[in-house]
Amino acid sequence: MTPADRVPGSIPSVAGMTPRKTWTERINNARVQGGFDEEDRYLSSNFRTCAVGEGLADEDYVGGISILSNELIVKGMWFCDAVHRNDFGRAAVLLQEICDLCERGKERKER
């Protein structure tokens, strides 16, 4: 899958995984089910399908590599940890912080 194949606001499909579910949907489903599933844990660990990957736009990639701030990288790792620990509240807070950082990055690029 190339960045051009992505649908904004959704997680790209990975072989055998449920495609096009947002992290907000995954967090809400996990709350109802009582925990994140193996697919959620896998996707949170994969850069292209994690919360940070969901927040990035196609133009954030240069030669297939994303340009990230250290703060965004750290929050992405914390998000992955929250998913693996079934900490829905922390995952939701981090998801919002990641989305905010991605939006600020887009605003800076537009200037």
Protein backbone atom coordinates (compact mmCIF):
# COMPACT_ATOMS: atom_id res chain seq x y z
CA MET A 1 0.00 0.00 0.00
CA THR A 2 1.32 3.41 -0.89
CA PRO A 3 0.41 6.66 0.85
CA ALA A 4 -1.79 7.47 -2.14
CA ASP A 5 -3.94 4.39 -1.35
CA ARG A 6 -4.88 5.73 2.09
CA VAL A 7 -8.29 7.11 2.95
CA PRO A 8 -7.85 10.16 5.24
CA GLY A 9 -8.92 9.41 8.80
CA SER A 10 -8.75 5.65 8.47
CA ILE A 11 -6.18 2.97 9.05
CA PRO A 12 -4.83 1.30 5.91
CA SER A 13 -5.65 -2.35 5.39
CA VAL A 14 -2.95 -4.83 6.36
CA ALA A 15 -3.18 -8.41 5.03
CA GLY A 16 -5.79 -10.30 7.05
CA MET A 17 -6.69 -7.32 9.22
CA THR A 18 -9.95 -5.39 9.43
CA PRO A 19 -9.52 -2.46 7.04
CA ARG A 20 -10.55 1.14 7.38
CA LYS A 21 -11.50 1.28 11.06
CA THR A 22 -10.38 4.45 12.81
CA TRP A 23 -8.63 4.37 16.17
CA THR A 24 -11.63 6.12 17.70
CA GLU A 25 -13.79 3.19 16.54
CA ARG A 26 -11.23 0.68 17.81
CA ILE A 27 -11.07 2.36 21.25
CA ASN A 28 -14.89 2.44 21.49
CA ASN A 29 -15.12 -1.23 20.46
CA ALA A 30 -12.47 -2.18 23.01
CA ARG A 31 -14.42 -0.43 25.76
CA VAL A 32 -17.54 -2.42 24.85
CA GLN A 33 -15.66 -5.72 24.47
CA GLY A 34 -13.61 -5.21 27.64
CA GLY A 35 -10.25 -4.99 25.89
CA PHE A 36 -8.31 -4.44 22.73
CA ASP A 37 -7.91 -7.53 20.56
CA GLU A 38 -4.79 -8.99 18.92
CA GLU A 39 -5.48 -7.08 15.73
CA ASP A 40 -5.62 -3.77 17.63
CA ARG A 41 -2.37 -4.57 19.42
CA TYR A 42 -0.68 -5.48 16.14
CA LEU A 43 -1.93 -2.36 14.36
CA SER A 44 -0.86 -0.12 17.24
CA SER A 45 2.68 -1.50 16.87
CA ASN A 46 2.94 -0.89 13.12
CA PHE A 47 3.97 2.62 12.10
CA ARG A 48 1.70 2.72 9.03
CA THR A 49 -1.36 1.67 11.03
CA CYS A 50 -0.75 3.21 14.45
CA ALA A 51 -2.43 6.37 15.74
CA VAL A 52 0.40 8.50 14.35
CA GLY A 53 0.13 6.86 10.92
CA GLU A 54 -3.61 7.51 10.95
CA GLY A 55 -3.02 11.20 11.64
CA LEU A 56 -0.45 11.81 8.95
CA ALA A 57 -1.39 13.01 5.50
CA ASP A 58 0.12 11.65 2.31
CA GLU A 59 2.28 14.74 1.93
CA ASP A 60 3.92 14.01 5.31
CA TYR A 61 5.90 11.24 3.60
CA VAL A 62 9.10 11.86 1.69
CA GLY A 63 10.25 8.82 -0.27
CA GLY A 64 8.00 6.60 1.85
CA ILE A 65 9.51 7.88 5.11
CA SER A 66 7.55 10.13 7.42
CA ILE A 67 8.93 13.37 8.81
CA LEU A 68 8.05 13.30 12.53
CA SER A 69 8.73 15.35 15.61
CA ASN A 70 10.19 13.63 18.65
CA GLU A 71 7.05 14.51 20.60
CA LEU A 72 4.86 12.75 18.04
CA ILE A 73 7.09 9.66 18.07
CA VAL A 74 6.99 9.45 21.88
CA LYS A 75 3.21 9.89 22.02
CA GLY A 76 2.87 7.16 19.41
CA MET A 77 4.92 4.78 21.57
CA TRP A 78 2.83 5.66 24.63
CA PHE A 79 -0.34 5.06 22.61
CA CYS A 80 0.91 1.60 21.62
CA ASP A 81 1.67 0.87 25.28
CA ALA A 82 -1.83 2.00 26.33
CA VAL A 83 -3.39 -0.33 23.75
CA HIS A 84 -1.27 -3.26 24.93
CA ARG A 85 -2.27 -2.53 28.55
CA ASN A 86 -6.00 -2.17 27.67
CA ASP A 87 -5.95 1.37 29.04
CA PHE A 88 -8.84 2.84 27.01
CA GLY A 89 -8.84 6.19 28.79
CA ARG A 90 -5.12 6.77 28.24
CA ALA A 91 -5.38 5.60 24.62
CA ALA A 92 -8.22 8.07 23.97
CA VAL A 93 -6.30 10.98 25.54
CA LEU A 94 -3.14 10.13 23.59
CA LEU A 95 -5.10 9.74 20.36
CA GLN A 96 -6.47 13.26 20.80
CA GLU A 97 -2.99 14.63 21.58
CA ILE A 98 -1.59 12.89 18.48
CA CYS A 99 -4.39 14.30 16.31
CA ASP A 100 -3.73 17.78 17.72
CA LEU A 101 0.00 17.49 16.93
CA CYS A 102 -0.74 16.31 13.40
CA GLU A 103 -3.12 19.23 12.86
CA ARG A 104 -0.56 21.72 14.15
CA GLY A 105 1.98 20.25 11.76
CA LYS A 106 -0.43 20.66 8.84
CA GLU A 107 -1.13 24.27 9.84
CA ARG A 108 2.59 25.04 9.94
CA LYS A 109 3.10 23.57 6.49
CA GLU A 110 0.28 25.71 5.06
CA ARG A 111 1.96 28.95 6.18
